[in-house]
Structure formats: structure tokens, C-alpha cells
Amino acid sequence: MRNLLIAVLVIISLSGFVDNKPISLTWKNLSDVRFAKKFNKQLGMYFLYPTFGESVVGLEGKQIQIKGYLIPADPDNNIYVISAQPMLMCFFCGRAGPESIIELQLRNKKQRFKTDAVKTISGKLRLNAQDIEYLNYILEDVVLIEN
């Protein structure tokens, strides 16, 4: 009976039910990506399309946490980005790469953030290599971790 209980606890532990603690990442962790400029026929423009490295692919679907600068892209529609750099130096201003920003899909839709507020957040990481309507890194079901 004791062996059965130990086996069940091991299975639960390995499946992630015991320790739901998010993986703490730095922006360097997300830099394992290469970009190729490709022409998008629908829009008649070139875009950077990512090829994610093995270490980033291994994070797909995992609960992660990361610290960065919050940037309200469209707060009325609850669209926020977290960036490795403040807004004046972020990807949108040309001083960093696409790997330095993550699109946020907030759990609390009524939450508001000020530009460049430094926060640690947590969510489920989704990689996006094809859909130009979204960023390459997307965090779903995002919650604020107390700083």
C-alpha cells in the first residue's frame, strides 16, 4: 500500500499538480530566436518571421513569469505589451528586436497600467511564428505578481 501511495505522489509531482510555480525567465532566455525577413503577399510588405530555438520551444505552453516595462498599446481594448526596455527604447521605436516584447492577454480585463510601470507578471507562454496580427511571444491568462 505504501509503494502505491509513493507511486501516485510521484506521478502527481511529475504531472505538475504539486508545484504550479511559474518558470522565472529573463529577457535573455527569450533571445534564442532568429528572424528572417519575408514578403507578406496579403499586405504587400516585408515582415520579420521568427524561428524559435530549442530552449524557447521548450517553454511553449509553460507557465512563466518575467519582469519588464508595461506599455499600453491600446488600453481601451485591454491590449498591453511587456518590454525588456522602456517605451522610448522598445522594439516599436527601433532600438530593440521583436524578441524584447511580449503581448499580454490579461486575466483581469479591467486592470490598467501606466506606461513604463515596472512589473513582474505571470502567464502561459504561446509562441507565434506566422500570424502577423499578433506578437511573436504571447502570454495568456496574465496575472500581476506582487512586486
Protein backbone atom coordinates (compact mmCIF):
# COMPACT_ATOMS: atom_id res chain seq x y z
CA MET A 1 0.00 0.00 0.00
CA ARG A 2 2.83 2.38 0.88
CA ASN A 3 4.50 1.77 -2.51
CA LEU A 4 1.24 2.56 -4.30
CA LEU A 5 0.93 5.86 -2.40
CA ILE A 6 4.53 6.78 -3.28
CA ALA A 7 3.91 5.93 -6.97
CA VAL A 8 0.79 8.12 -7.04
CA LEU A 9 2.66 11.03 -5.42
CA VAL A 10 5.49 10.70 -7.97
CA ILE A 11 3.03 10.70 -10.88
CA ILE A 12 1.22 13.76 -9.50
CA SER A 13 4.52 15.54 -8.91
CA LEU A 14 5.76 14.82 -12.44
CA SER A 15 2.49 15.98 -13.99
CA GLY A 16 2.83 19.42 -12.40
CA PHE A 17 -0.13 19.26 -10.00
CA VAL A 18 2.02 19.67 -6.89
CA ASP A 19 4.30 22.52 -7.98
CA ASN A 20 2.48 25.06 -10.16
CA LYS A 21 5.18 27.66 -9.61
CA PRO A 22 5.88 29.56 -12.85
CA ILE A 23 9.29 29.34 -14.52
CA SER A 24 11.12 32.60 -13.86
CA LEU A 25 12.64 33.95 -17.09
CA THR A 26 14.89 36.82 -18.03
CA TRP A 27 14.77 38.53 -21.40
CA LYS A 28 17.99 36.73 -22.32
CA ASN A 29 16.04 33.44 -22.15
CA LEU A 30 13.82 34.67 -24.97
CA SER A 31 16.71 35.69 -27.21
CA ASP A 32 17.11 32.15 -28.59
CA VAL A 33 15.35 33.11 -31.81
CA ARG A 34 16.36 34.09 -35.33
CA PHE A 35 14.42 36.29 -37.69
CA ALA A 36 14.10 36.18 -41.46
CA LYS A 37 12.60 38.99 -43.50
CA LYS A 38 9.81 37.56 -45.66
CA PHE A 39 7.34 39.19 -48.02
CA ASN A 40 3.68 39.00 -46.98
CA LYS A 41 1.63 38.91 -50.20
CA GLN A 42 -1.65 39.86 -48.49
CA LEU A 43 -0.27 43.13 -47.16
CA GLY A 44 2.42 43.71 -49.79
CA MET A 45 5.08 44.28 -47.11
CA TYR A 46 8.09 42.58 -45.57
CA PHE A 47 7.86 41.27 -42.01
CA LEU A 48 10.28 39.55 -39.64
CA TYR A 49 9.26 35.91 -39.15
CA PRO A 50 10.83 34.01 -36.24
CA THR A 51 12.43 30.61 -36.00
CA PHE A 52 12.50 29.78 -32.30
CA GLY A 53 15.49 27.98 -30.80
CA GLU A 54 15.17 24.74 -28.84
CA SER A 55 15.31 26.43 -25.44
CA VAL A 56 12.39 28.73 -26.36
CA VAL A 57 10.38 25.93 -28.00
CA GLY A 58 10.71 24.03 -24.71
CA LEU A 59 8.87 26.87 -22.96
CA GLU A 60 5.78 26.68 -25.21
CA GLY A 61 2.65 26.20 -23.10
CA LYS A 62 4.52 26.60 -19.82
CA GLN A 63 3.55 28.97 -17.02
CA ILE A 64 6.30 31.59 -16.88
CA GLN A 65 6.98 34.84 -15.09
CA ILE A 66 9.03 37.78 -16.29
CA LYS A 67 9.79 41.34 -15.19
CA GLY A 68 9.63 44.27 -17.57
CA TYR A 69 8.16 47.61 -18.57
CA LEU A 70 4.42 47.69 -19.25
CA ILE A 71 3.36 49.54 -22.36
CA PRO A 72 -0.32 50.24 -23.02
CA ALA A 73 -0.71 49.59 -26.77
CA ASP A 74 -4.50 50.11 -26.66
CA PRO A 75 -5.74 50.27 -23.05
CA ASP A 76 -9.37 50.85 -24.13
CA ASN A 77 -9.29 47.40 -25.74
CA ASN A 78 -7.13 45.93 -22.97
CA ILE A 79 -4.06 45.50 -25.19
CA TYR A 80 -0.79 45.69 -23.28
CA VAL A 81 2.78 44.71 -24.03
CA ILE A 82 5.61 43.99 -21.61
CA SER A 83 9.04 45.03 -22.82
CA ALA A 84 12.64 44.48 -21.84
CA GLN A 85 13.16 48.21 -22.40
CA PRO A 86 11.16 51.34 -21.51
CA MET A 87 8.88 52.67 -24.22
CA LEU A 88 11.43 55.15 -25.62
CA MET A 89 13.87 52.29 -26.26
CA CYS A 90 11.50 49.42 -27.05
CA PHE A 91 11.08 47.49 -30.29
CA PHE A 92 8.43 49.87 -31.63
CA CYS A 93 10.95 52.72 -31.56
CA GLY A 94 13.61 50.69 -33.36
CA ARG A 95 16.14 50.21 -30.57
CA ALA A 96 15.45 46.55 -29.76
CA GLY A 97 14.36 43.38 -31.52
CA PRO A 98 10.96 41.66 -31.64
CA GLU A 99 12.20 39.19 -29.01
CA SER A 100 12.21 42.01 -26.46
CA ILE A 101 8.41 42.34 -26.24
CA ILE A 102 5.56 40.07 -25.23
CA GLU A 103 1.87 40.57 -25.98
CA LEU A 104 -0.27 40.27 -22.85
CA GLN A 105 -3.73 38.75 -22.63
CA LEU A 106 -4.81 39.78 -19.14
CA ARG A 107 -6.95 37.61 -16.89
CA ASN A 108 -8.42 40.74 -15.23
CA LYS A 109 -9.79 42.68 -18.20
CA LYS A 110 -10.42 45.79 -16.08
CA GLN A 111 -6.81 46.15 -14.96
CA ARG A 112 -4.98 49.32 -16.07
CA PHE A 113 -1.26 50.07 -16.09
CA LYS A 114 0.76 53.22 -16.53
CA THR A 115 3.36 53.44 -19.29
CA ASP A 116 6.74 52.07 -18.21
CA ALA A 117 5.44 50.69 -14.90
CA VAL A 118 7.97 48.00 -13.97
CA LYS A 119 6.09 44.84 -13.02
CA THR A 120 6.56 41.11 -12.77
CA ILE A 121 3.81 39.16 -14.47
CA SER A 122 2.94 35.52 -14.97
CA GLY A 123 1.07 33.68 -17.71
CA LYS A 124 1.09 30.77 -20.13
CA LEU A 125 3.59 31.31 -22.96
CA ARG A 126 2.44 30.84 -26.54
CA LEU A 127 4.81 31.14 -29.49
CA ASN A 128 3.58 32.78 -32.70
CA ALA A 129 5.66 32.34 -35.83
CA GLN A 130 3.09 33.08 -38.54
CA ASP A 131 0.19 35.38 -37.58
CA ILE A 132 1.36 38.96 -38.15
CA GLU A 133 -1.69 40.28 -36.28
CA TYR A 134 -0.04 39.21 -33.02
CA LEU A 135 3.44 39.46 -31.49
CA ASN A 136 5.87 36.53 -31.60
CA TYR A 137 5.58 35.97 -27.86
CA ILE A 138 2.14 35.94 -26.27
CA LEU A 139 1.31 35.45 -22.61
CA GLU A 140 -2.20 34.17 -21.96
CA ASP A 141 -4.22 34.46 -18.76
CA VAL A 142 -1.74 37.01 -17.36
CA VAL A 143 -1.73 37.93 -13.68
CA LEU A 144 0.34 40.51 -11.86
CA ILE A 145 2.88 39.14 -9.39
CA GLU A 146 3.25 41.45 -6.40
CA ASN A 147 6.49 43.47 -6.64
